[in-house]
Amino acid sequence: VYTRWGSKSCSGDAELVHSGYVGGSYFNNRGAAVEPLCLPRNPQWLWYRDGMENERAYVHGAEYKTHTSPGGLRGVHDQDVPCAVCLKRKRFVVNMFPARKNCYRGWTLEYRGYLMAGRWNHQAATSYTCVDAHPEAVHGGYENRNGYLFYHVEGLCGSLKCPPYANGRELACVVCSK
């Protein structure tokens, strides 16, 4: 099972478990959860009480922050981010490989994309996430409400070895199965 971030569907022979919306903590909250979620389009509830409570964690929608991006990602700036949970039968391992556009020998490509995360100076911690190279957007989700934000990840030379890495260059990624 893997999540295809930035897409509403699975590729190849992967089975769609559910298609939904990316959610997560607000980008500037100090007590934020790290991982993004692929929230279903049809939530189910146990016991609940309507109304905002102060002693809670919150989940927000997610947006692309790609106005300075190369390629097709610029066109989805401030759009809300979809996701798909995919099941790959007869595959035992699924892994995201950063700084790769192709899978290693013996692995099968599920999708390729760009490595994205929260911005370096935002308070909330985030995860490095592989977002589809041909991103889709949630219909009607274009209001720039922030929430969980996806920015490109670039190399920063110093402790990062350059070359082979390049200062200020956006990193690719692949999700592969075996």
N, C-alpha and C. Protein backbone atom coordinates (compact mmCIF):
# COMPACT_ATOMS: atom_id res chain seq x y z
N VAL A 1 0.85 -1.18 0.00
CA VAL A 1 0.00 0.00 0.00
C VAL A 1 0.89 1.24 0.00
N TYR A 2 0.57 2.20 -0.83
CA TYR A 2 1.29 3.47 -0.84
C TYR A 2 0.32 4.59 -1.17
N THR A 3 0.72 5.81 -0.85
CA THR A 3 -0.09 6.98 -1.16
C THR A 3 0.54 7.72 -2.32
N ARG A 4 -0.28 8.04 -3.30
CA ARG A 4 0.18 8.84 -4.44
C ARG A 4 -0.27 10.28 -4.17
N TRP A 5 0.68 11.10 -3.75
CA TRP A 5 0.40 12.48 -3.38
C TRP A 5 0.29 13.35 -4.62
N GLY A 6 -0.76 14.17 -4.71
CA GLY A 6 -0.94 15.06 -5.85
C GLY A 6 -1.69 14.43 -7.01
N SER A 7 -2.29 13.27 -6.79
CA SER A 7 -3.04 12.58 -7.84
C SER A 7 -4.32 12.00 -7.27
N LYS A 8 -5.33 11.90 -8.12
CA LYS A 8 -6.61 11.31 -7.71
C LYS A 8 -6.70 9.84 -8.08
N SER A 9 -5.69 9.31 -8.75
CA SER A 9 -5.76 7.93 -9.24
C SER A 9 -4.42 7.22 -9.05
N CYS A 10 -4.45 5.91 -9.25
CA CYS A 10 -3.25 5.08 -9.17
C CYS A 10 -2.76 4.79 -10.59
N SER A 11 -1.52 4.37 -10.70
CA SER A 11 -0.98 4.08 -12.02
C SER A 11 -0.92 2.58 -12.26
N GLY A 12 -0.88 2.22 -13.53
CA GLY A 12 -0.70 0.83 -13.92
C GLY A 12 -1.73 -0.11 -13.33
N ASP A 13 -1.25 -1.21 -12.77
CA ASP A 13 -2.16 -2.22 -12.23
C ASP A 13 -2.40 -2.06 -10.73
N ALA A 14 -2.05 -0.91 -10.18
CA ALA A 14 -2.33 -0.66 -8.76
C ALA A 14 -3.82 -0.43 -8.58
N GLU A 15 -4.37 -0.97 -7.51
CA GLU A 15 -5.80 -0.87 -7.21
C GLU A 15 -6.05 0.35 -6.33
N LEU A 16 -7.04 1.17 -6.70
CA LEU A 16 -7.41 2.34 -5.91
C LEU A 16 -8.17 1.90 -4.67
N VAL A 17 -7.62 2.18 -3.49
CA VAL A 17 -8.31 1.91 -2.23
C VAL A 17 -9.26 3.07 -1.95
N HIS A 18 -8.75 4.29 -2.01
CA HIS A 18 -9.61 5.48 -1.94
C HIS A 18 -8.87 6.69 -2.49
N SER A 19 -9.65 7.63 -2.99
CA SER A 19 -9.15 8.90 -3.48
C SER A 19 -9.67 9.97 -2.55
N GLY A 20 -8.83 10.93 -2.20
CA GLY A 20 -9.28 11.92 -1.23
C GLY A 20 -8.51 13.21 -1.29
N TYR A 21 -8.42 13.84 -0.12
CA TYR A 21 -7.82 15.16 0.02
C TYR A 21 -6.65 15.07 1.00
N VAL A 22 -5.57 15.78 0.70
CA VAL A 22 -4.45 15.82 1.64
C VAL A 22 -4.80 16.78 2.76
N GLY A 23 -4.58 16.33 3.97
CA GLY A 23 -4.79 17.15 5.16
C GLY A 23 -3.56 17.08 6.04
N GLY A 24 -3.46 18.02 6.95
CA GLY A 24 -2.33 18.02 7.88
C GLY A 24 -2.42 19.21 8.81
N SER A 25 -1.39 19.38 9.60
CA SER A 25 -1.34 20.49 10.55
C SER A 25 -1.06 21.81 9.84
N TYR A 26 -1.41 22.90 10.51
CA TYR A 26 -1.17 24.24 9.97
C TYR A 26 0.32 24.52 9.93
N PHE A 27 0.78 25.13 8.86
CA PHE A 27 2.21 25.28 8.59
C PHE A 27 2.98 26.04 9.66
N ASN A 28 2.33 26.87 10.44
CA ASN A 28 3.05 27.71 11.39
C ASN A 28 2.78 27.35 12.85
N ASN A 29 2.12 26.23 13.10
CA ASN A 29 1.83 25.83 14.48
C ASN A 29 3.01 25.06 15.06
N ARG A 30 3.44 25.44 16.25
CA ARG A 30 4.58 24.79 16.90
C ARG A 30 4.27 23.35 17.30
N GLY A 31 3.06 23.06 17.71
CA GLY A 31 2.71 21.72 18.15
C GLY A 31 2.14 20.86 17.04
N ALA A 32 2.55 21.12 15.83
CA ALA A 32 1.96 20.47 14.66
C ALA A 32 2.37 19.01 14.54
N ALA A 33 1.46 18.21 14.00
CA ALA A 33 1.80 16.84 13.60
C ALA A 33 2.68 16.92 12.36
N VAL A 34 3.54 15.94 12.18
CA VAL A 34 4.51 15.99 11.09
C VAL A 34 3.95 15.44 9.79
N GLU A 35 3.32 14.29 9.83
CA GLU A 35 2.91 13.58 8.62
C GLU A 35 1.65 14.16 7.99
N PRO A 36 1.61 14.26 6.66
CA PRO A 36 0.35 14.58 5.99
C PRO A 36 -0.55 13.34 6.00
N LEU A 37 -1.84 13.55 5.82
CA LEU A 37 -2.83 12.47 5.77
C LEU A 37 -3.51 12.47 4.42
N CYS A 38 -3.90 11.29 3.95
CA CYS A 38 -4.78 11.20 2.78
C CYS A 38 -6.18 10.94 3.32
N LEU A 39 -6.94 12.02 3.45
CA LEU A 39 -8.27 11.95 4.05
C LEU A 39 -9.30 11.47 3.02
N PRO A 40 -10.21 10.58 3.41
CA PRO A 40 -11.22 10.10 2.46
C PRO A 40 -12.24 11.19 2.14
N ARG A 41 -12.87 11.05 0.99
CA ARG A 41 -13.92 11.98 0.57
C ARG A 41 -15.22 11.77 1.35
N ASN A 42 -15.34 10.62 1.99
CA ASN A 42 -16.57 10.29 2.72
C ASN A 42 -16.23 9.91 4.16
N PRO A 43 -15.94 10.90 5.02
CA PRO A 43 -15.55 10.57 6.39
C PRO A 43 -16.68 9.90 7.15
N GLN A 44 -16.30 9.08 8.10
CA GLN A 44 -17.25 8.44 9.01
C GLN A 44 -16.92 8.91 10.42
N TRP A 45 -17.93 8.98 11.28
CA TRP A 45 -17.75 9.53 12.62
C TRP A 45 -18.08 8.49 13.68
N LEU A 46 -17.37 8.52 14.79
CA LEU A 46 -17.78 7.80 15.99
C LEU A 46 -18.54 8.82 16.84
N TRP A 47 -18.41 8.78 18.15
CA TRP A 47 -19.05 9.79 18.99
C TRP A 47 -18.35 11.12 18.77
N TYR A 48 -19.12 12.21 18.73
CA TYR A 48 -18.51 13.51 18.50
C TYR A 48 -19.35 14.60 19.14
N ARG A 49 -18.74 15.76 19.29
CA ARG A 49 -19.42 16.97 19.76
C ARG A 49 -19.00 18.09 18.83
N ASP A 50 -19.95 18.70 18.12
CA ASP A 50 -19.63 19.79 17.21
C ASP A 50 -19.16 21.02 17.98
N GLY A 51 -18.30 21.80 17.37
CA GLY A 51 -17.75 23.00 17.98
C GLY A 51 -16.26 22.85 18.21
N MET A 52 -15.53 23.92 18.05
CA MET A 52 -14.08 23.90 18.20
C MET A 52 -13.70 23.88 19.68
N GLU A 53 -12.77 23.03 20.02
CA GLU A 53 -12.25 22.90 21.38
C GLU A 53 -10.80 23.38 21.37
N ASN A 54 -10.36 23.99 22.45
CA ASN A 54 -8.99 24.50 22.53
C ASN A 54 -7.97 23.39 22.73
N GLU A 55 -8.32 22.36 23.45
CA GLU A 55 -7.37 21.30 23.77
C GLU A 55 -7.48 20.15 22.78
N ARG A 56 -7.23 20.47 21.53
CA ARG A 56 -7.32 19.50 20.45
C ARG A 56 -6.18 19.73 19.46
N ALA A 57 -5.96 18.76 18.63
CA ALA A 57 -5.13 18.95 17.44
C ALA A 57 -6.10 19.21 16.29
N TYR A 58 -5.66 19.93 15.30
CA TYR A 58 -6.54 20.26 14.17
C TYR A 58 -5.95 19.70 12.88
N VAL A 59 -6.83 19.38 11.95
CA VAL A 59 -6.38 18.99 10.62
C VAL A 59 -6.90 20.05 9.63
N HIS A 60 -6.02 20.50 8.76
CA HIS A 60 -6.33 21.50 7.75
C HIS A 60 -6.16 20.86 6.38
N GLY A 61 -6.69 21.51 5.37
CA GLY A 61 -6.42 21.08 4.01
C GLY A 61 -4.98 21.42 3.64
N ALA A 62 -4.53 20.94 2.50
CA ALA A 62 -3.16 21.19 2.04
C ALA A 62 -3.18 21.94 0.72
N GLU A 63 -2.16 22.75 0.49
CA GLU A 63 -2.04 23.52 -0.75
C GLU A 63 -0.64 23.39 -1.32
N TYR A 64 -0.57 23.50 -2.65
CA TYR A 64 0.71 23.62 -3.32
C TYR A 64 1.20 25.06 -3.17
N LYS A 65 2.47 25.24 -2.92
CA LYS A 65 3.11 26.57 -2.92
C LYS A 65 4.20 26.51 -3.98
N THR A 66 3.80 26.75 -5.24
CA THR A 66 4.68 26.45 -6.37
C THR A 66 4.79 27.61 -7.37
N HIS A 67 4.57 28.85 -6.92
CA HIS A 67 4.58 29.97 -7.86
C HIS A 67 5.94 30.22 -8.49
N THR A 68 7.02 29.72 -7.91
CA THR A 68 8.35 29.90 -8.51
C THR A 68 8.90 28.58 -9.05
N SER A 69 8.04 27.62 -9.28
CA SER A 69 8.47 26.27 -9.66
C SER A 69 8.73 26.11 -11.15
N PRO A 70 9.61 25.17 -11.48
CA PRO A 70 9.80 24.83 -12.89
C PRO A 70 8.69 23.91 -13.36
N GLY A 71 8.53 23.80 -14.65
CA GLY A 71 7.59 22.82 -15.20
C GLY A 71 6.13 23.11 -14.88
N GLY A 72 5.34 22.03 -14.86
CA GLY A 72 3.89 22.14 -14.72
C GLY A 72 3.40 22.47 -13.33
N LEU A 73 4.27 22.50 -12.35
CA LEU A 73 3.80 22.74 -10.99
C LEU A 73 3.38 24.18 -10.74
N ARG A 74 3.88 25.12 -11.51
CA ARG A 74 3.51 26.52 -11.31
C ARG A 74 2.01 26.72 -11.47
N GLY A 75 1.39 25.95 -12.35
CA GLY A 75 -0.04 26.10 -12.63
C GLY A 75 -0.96 25.65 -11.51
N VAL A 76 -0.43 24.98 -10.49
CA VAL A 76 -1.29 24.53 -9.39
C VAL A 76 -1.02 25.32 -8.10
N HIS A 77 -0.29 26.42 -8.18
CA HIS A 77 0.01 27.23 -7.00
C HIS A 77 -1.28 27.59 -6.26
N ASP A 78 -1.29 27.41 -4.96
CA ASP A 78 -2.41 27.70 -4.06
C ASP A 78 -3.62 26.78 -4.24
N GLN A 79 -3.52 25.79 -5.12
CA GLN A 79 -4.61 24.82 -5.28
C GLN A 79 -4.53 23.78 -4.16
N ASP A 80 -5.67 23.22 -3.80
CA ASP A 80 -5.70 22.15 -2.80
C ASP A 80 -5.21 20.85 -3.42
N VAL A 81 -4.63 19.99 -2.59
CA VAL A 81 -3.90 18.81 -3.06
C VAL A 81 -4.72 17.54 -2.89
N PRO A 82 -4.94 16.77 -3.98
CA PRO A 82 -5.61 15.48 -3.85
C PRO A 82 -4.60 14.37 -3.54
N CYS A 83 -5.12 13.19 -3.26
CA CYS A 83 -4.27 12.03 -3.01
C CYS A 83 -5.04 10.77 -3.34
N ALA A 84 -4.30 9.70 -3.52
CA ALA A 84 -4.90 8.39 -3.79
C ALA A 84 -4.12 7.34 -2.99
N VAL A 85 -4.84 6.48 -2.29
CA VAL A 85 -4.21 5.35 -1.60
C VAL A 85 -4.32 4.15 -2.53
N CYS A 86 -3.18 3.55 -2.84
CA CYS A 86 -3.10 2.52 -3.86
C CYS A 86 -2.57 1.20 -3.29
N LEU A 87 -3.14 0.11 -3.75
CA LEU A 87 -2.70 -1.23 -3.35
C LEU A 87 -2.03 -1.89 -4.54
N LYS A 88 -0.82 -2.33 -4.32
CA LYS A 88 -0.07 -3.03 -5.36
C LYS A 88 0.04 -4.49 -4.92
N ARG A 89 -0.72 -5.36 -5.56
CA ARG A 89 -0.72 -6.78 -5.19
C ARG A 89 0.57 -7.46 -5.65
N LYS A 90 0.99 -8.45 -4.89
CA LYS A 90 2.19 -9.23 -5.17
C LYS A 90 3.47 -8.39 -5.11
N ARG A 91 3.40 -7.27 -4.44
CA ARG A 91 4.59 -6.45 -4.19
C ARG A 91 4.70 -6.33 -2.67
N PHE A 92 5.88 -6.57 -2.15
CA PHE A 92 6.04 -6.61 -0.71
C PHE A 92 6.64 -5.34 -0.14
N VAL A 93 7.29 -4.57 -0.97
CA VAL A 93 7.95 -3.36 -0.50
C VAL A 93 7.61 -2.23 -1.46
N VAL A 94 7.24 -1.08 -0.89
CA VAL A 94 7.09 0.15 -1.67
C VAL A 94 7.94 1.19 -0.96
N ASN A 95 8.76 1.91 -1.72
CA ASN A 95 9.65 2.88 -1.10
C ASN A 95 9.74 4.13 -1.96
N MET A 96 9.93 5.28 -1.29
CA MET A 96 10.19 6.53 -1.97
C MET A 96 11.70 6.75 -1.98
N PHE A 97 12.24 7.00 -3.17
CA PHE A 97 13.66 7.26 -3.31
C PHE A 97 13.85 8.73 -3.70
N PRO A 98 14.45 9.54 -2.82
CA PRO A 98 14.69 10.94 -3.16
C PRO A 98 15.85 11.09 -4.13
N ALA A 99 15.86 12.20 -4.84
CA ALA A 99 16.94 12.54 -5.78
C ALA A 99 17.12 11.49 -6.86
N ARG A 100 16.02 10.89 -7.29
CA ARG A 100 16.02 9.90 -8.38
C ARG A 100 14.85 10.22 -9.31
N LYS A 101 15.06 9.98 -10.62
CA LYS A 101 13.93 10.05 -11.55
C LYS A 101 13.61 8.68 -12.11
N ASN A 102 14.47 7.71 -11.84
CA ASN A 102 14.25 6.32 -12.24
C ASN A 102 14.46 5.42 -11.04
N CYS A 103 13.79 4.28 -11.06
CA CYS A 103 13.96 3.29 -10.00
C CYS A 103 15.28 2.56 -10.19
N TYR A 104 15.78 2.01 -9.10
CA TYR A 104 16.97 1.16 -9.18
C TYR A 104 16.62 -0.14 -9.89
N ARG A 105 17.62 -0.82 -10.41
CA ARG A 105 17.43 -2.08 -11.13
C ARG A 105 16.67 -3.08 -10.25
N GLY A 106 15.66 -3.71 -10.84
CA GLY A 106 14.87 -4.70 -10.12
C GLY A 106 13.64 -4.13 -9.44
N TRP A 107 13.49 -2.81 -9.44
CA TRP A 107 12.32 -2.16 -8.85
C TRP A 107 11.38 -1.71 -9.96
N THR A 108 10.09 -1.58 -9.63
CA THR A 108 9.07 -1.16 -10.59
C THR A 108 8.58 0.25 -10.24
N LEU A 109 8.57 1.13 -11.23
CA LEU A 109 8.11 2.51 -11.02
C LEU A 109 6.60 2.54 -10.77
N GLU A 110 6.20 3.19 -9.70
CA GLU A 110 4.78 3.47 -9.45
C GLU A 110 4.45 4.89 -9.91
N TYR A 111 5.26 5.86 -9.51
CA TYR A 111 5.16 7.22 -10.06
C TYR A 111 6.43 7.98 -9.76
N ARG A 112 6.63 9.07 -10.52
CA ARG A 112 7.78 9.95 -10.29
C ARG A 112 7.24 11.34 -10.00
N GLY A 113 8.06 12.12 -9.32
CA GLY A 113 7.61 13.46 -8.98
C GLY A 113 8.72 14.33 -8.45
N TYR A 114 8.31 15.30 -7.65
CA TYR A 114 9.22 16.24 -7.02
C TYR A 114 9.17 16.05 -5.51
N LEU A 115 10.33 16.13 -4.88
CA LEU A 115 10.41 16.07 -3.44
C LEU A 115 9.90 17.40 -2.88
N MET A 116 8.94 17.32 -1.97
CA MET A 116 8.35 18.53 -1.41
C MET A 116 8.26 18.39 0.11
N ALA A 117 8.21 19.54 0.78
CA ALA A 117 8.13 19.59 2.25
C ALA A 117 7.68 21.00 2.63
N GLY A 118 7.58 21.24 3.93
CA GLY A 118 7.29 22.59 4.41
C GLY A 118 8.48 23.51 4.18
N ARG A 119 8.22 24.80 4.20
CA ARG A 119 9.27 25.79 3.97
C ARG A 119 10.24 25.83 5.16
N TRP A 120 11.48 26.11 4.88
CA TRP A 120 12.55 26.03 5.88
C TRP A 120 12.30 26.91 7.10
N ASN A 121 11.63 28.06 6.94
CA ASN A 121 11.47 28.97 8.07
C ASN A 121 10.09 28.92 8.71
N HIS A 122 9.27 27.95 8.36
CA HIS A 122 7.99 27.78 9.04
C HIS A 122 8.20 26.97 10.32
N GLN A 123 7.37 27.23 11.32
CA GLN A 123 7.55 26.60 12.63
C GLN A 123 7.24 25.12 12.63
N ALA A 124 6.24 24.70 11.89
CA ALA A 124 5.79 23.31 11.95
C ALA A 124 6.77 22.39 11.23
N ALA A 125 7.06 21.26 11.84
CA ALA A 125 7.85 20.23 11.18
C ALA A 125 6.98 19.54 10.13
N THR A 126 7.59 19.08 9.05
CA THR A 126 6.85 18.36 8.01
C THR A 126 7.68 17.16 7.57
N SER A 127 7.11 16.36 6.69
CA SER A 127 7.81 15.21 6.12
C SER A 127 8.21 15.52 4.69
N TYR A 128 9.31 14.92 4.26
CA TYR A 128 9.63 14.95 2.84
C TYR A 128 8.64 14.03 2.14
N THR A 129 7.97 14.56 1.12
CA THR A 129 6.90 13.84 0.44
C THR A 129 7.14 13.90 -1.05
N CYS A 130 6.95 12.78 -1.74
CA CYS A 130 7.09 12.73 -3.19
C CYS A 130 5.74 13.08 -3.82
N VAL A 131 5.65 14.26 -4.43
CA VAL A 131 4.41 14.74 -5.05
C VAL A 131 4.49 14.49 -6.55
N ASP A 132 3.42 13.96 -7.12
CA ASP A 132 3.37 13.57 -8.52
C ASP A 132 3.91 14.67 -9.44
N ALA A 133 4.67 14.29 -10.45
CA ALA A 133 5.26 15.23 -11.40
C ALA A 133 4.21 15.93 -12.26
N HIS A 134 3.04 15.33 -12.38
CA HIS A 134 1.93 15.92 -13.12
C HIS A 134 0.79 16.12 -12.13
N PRO A 135 0.91 17.13 -11.26
CA PRO A 135 -0.03 17.25 -10.15
C PRO A 135 -1.43 17.65 -10.59
N GLU A 136 -2.38 17.13 -9.86
CA GLU A 136 -3.78 17.51 -10.03
C GLU A 136 -4.16 18.41 -8.87
N ALA A 137 -5.33 18.99 -8.94
CA ALA A 137 -5.83 19.83 -7.86
C ALA A 137 -7.24 19.39 -7.50
N VAL A 138 -7.64 19.71 -6.29
CA VAL A 138 -9.00 19.44 -5.84
C VAL A 138 -9.90 20.49 -6.49
N HIS A 139 -10.98 20.05 -7.12
CA HIS A 139 -11.91 20.96 -7.78
C HIS A 139 -12.45 21.98 -6.77
N GLY A 140 -12.31 23.26 -7.09
CA GLY A 140 -12.82 24.32 -6.23
C GLY A 140 -11.90 24.71 -5.09
N GLY A 141 -10.75 24.10 -4.99
CA GLY A 141 -9.85 24.38 -3.86
C GLY A 141 -8.74 25.33 -4.22
N TYR A 142 -9.05 26.62 -4.35
CA TYR A 142 -8.06 27.57 -4.85
C TYR A 142 -8.01 28.86 -4.02
N GLU A 143 -8.41 28.82 -2.77
CA GLU A 143 -8.61 30.05 -2.00
C GLU A 143 -7.40 30.56 -1.23
N ASN A 144 -6.25 29.91 -1.28
CA ASN A 144 -5.07 30.34 -0.54
C ASN A 144 -5.36 30.47 0.95
N ARG A 145 -5.82 29.39 1.54
CA ARG A 145 -6.11 29.35 2.98
C ARG A 145 -4.95 28.78 3.78
N ASN A 146 -3.89 28.45 3.10
CA ASN A 146 -2.71 27.84 3.72
C ASN A 146 -3.07 26.50 4.33
N GLY A 147 -2.66 26.19 5.53
CA GLY A 147 -2.84 24.86 6.09
C GLY A 147 -1.53 24.11 6.00
N TYR A 148 -1.57 22.87 5.54
CA TYR A 148 -0.36 22.06 5.33
C TYR A 148 0.16 22.43 3.95
N LEU A 149 1.40 22.89 3.85
CA LEU A 149 1.91 23.46 2.60
C LEU A 149 3.02 22.62 2.00
N PHE A 150 2.99 22.48 0.68
CA PHE A 150 4.02 21.74 -0.05
C PHE A 150 4.89 22.71 -0.85
N TYR A 151 6.17 22.78 -0.50
CA TYR A 151 7.17 23.56 -1.23
C TYR A 151 8.19 22.61 -1.83
N HIS A 152 8.80 23.02 -2.94
CA HIS A 152 9.89 22.23 -3.52
C HIS A 152 11.04 22.13 -2.52
N VAL A 153 11.75 21.03 -2.57
CA VAL A 153 12.97 20.84 -1.79
C VAL A 153 14.15 21.03 -2.75
N GLU A 154 15.08 21.89 -2.36
CA GLU A 154 16.28 22.15 -3.15
C GLU A 154 17.51 21.71 -2.37
N GLY A 155 18.57 21.40 -3.10
CA GLY A 155 19.84 21.11 -2.45
C GLY A 155 20.46 22.39 -1.91
N LEU A 156 21.15 22.28 -0.78
CA LEU A 156 21.88 23.41 -0.19
C LEU A 156 23.29 22.92 0.12
N CYS A 157 24.24 23.36 -0.69
CA CYS A 157 25.62 22.89 -0.54
C CYS A 157 26.23 23.35 0.77
N GLY A 158 27.15 22.58 1.24
CA GLY A 158 27.82 22.81 2.52
C GLY A 158 28.01 21.44 3.13
N SER A 159 27.12 21.07 4.05
CA SER A 159 27.17 19.71 4.58
C SER A 159 26.66 18.71 3.53
N LEU A 160 25.83 19.18 2.58
CA LEU A 160 25.40 18.35 1.44
C LEU A 160 26.52 18.35 0.40
N LYS A 161 26.90 17.21 -0.06
CA LYS A 161 28.02 17.08 -0.99
C LYS A 161 27.64 17.60 -2.38
N CYS A 162 28.37 18.64 -2.84
CA CYS A 162 28.16 19.25 -4.15
C CYS A 162 29.51 19.34 -4.88
N PRO A 163 29.68 18.81 -6.09
CA PRO A 163 28.77 17.82 -6.66
C PRO A 163 28.85 16.51 -5.87
N PRO A 164 27.94 15.63 -6.07
CA PRO A 164 27.02 15.47 -7.19
C PRO A 164 25.75 16.32 -7.09
N TYR A 165 25.41 16.82 -5.89
CA TYR A 165 24.22 17.66 -5.77
C TYR A 165 24.55 19.06 -6.25
N ALA A 166 23.51 19.87 -6.54
CA ALA A 166 23.70 21.22 -7.03
C ALA A 166 22.94 22.19 -6.14
N ASN A 167 23.59 23.26 -5.76
CA ASN A 167 22.98 24.26 -4.90
C ASN A 167 21.76 24.88 -5.57
N GLY A 168 20.62 24.87 -4.89
CA GLY A 168 19.42 25.51 -5.40
C GLY A 168 18.67 24.74 -6.46
N ARG A 169 19.01 23.50 -6.70
CA ARG A 169 18.32 22.70 -7.72
C ARG A 169 17.24 21.84 -7.06
N GLU A 170 16.03 21.88 -7.65
CA GLU A 170 14.91 21.10 -7.13
C GLU A 170 15.20 19.61 -7.26
N LEU A 171 14.85 18.86 -6.22
CA LEU A 171 15.10 17.42 -6.22
C LEU A 171 13.90 16.65 -6.74
N ALA A 172 14.17 15.66 -7.54
CA ALA A 172 13.14 14.74 -8.03
C ALA A 172 12.97 13.61 -7.01
N CYS A 173 12.03 12.73 -7.28
CA CYS A 173 11.83 11.54 -6.45
C CYS A 173 11.04 10.51 -7.26
N VAL A 174 11.13 9.27 -6.84
CA VAL A 174 10.33 8.20 -7.43
C VAL A 174 9.78 7.34 -6.30
N VAL A 175 8.60 6.77 -6.55
CA VAL A 175 8.03 5.76 -5.67
C VAL A 175 8.08 4.46 -6.44
N CYS A 176 8.73 3.46 -5.86
CA CYS A 176 9.00 2.20 -6.55
C CYS A 176 8.57 1.03 -5.68
N SER A 177 8.22 -0.07 -6.34
CA SER A 177 7.81 -1.28 -5.62
C SER A 177 8.67 -2.46 -6.05
N LYS A 178 8.67 -3.49 -5.18
CA LYS A 178 9.45 -4.69 -5.47
C LYS A 178 8.77 -5.88 -4.82
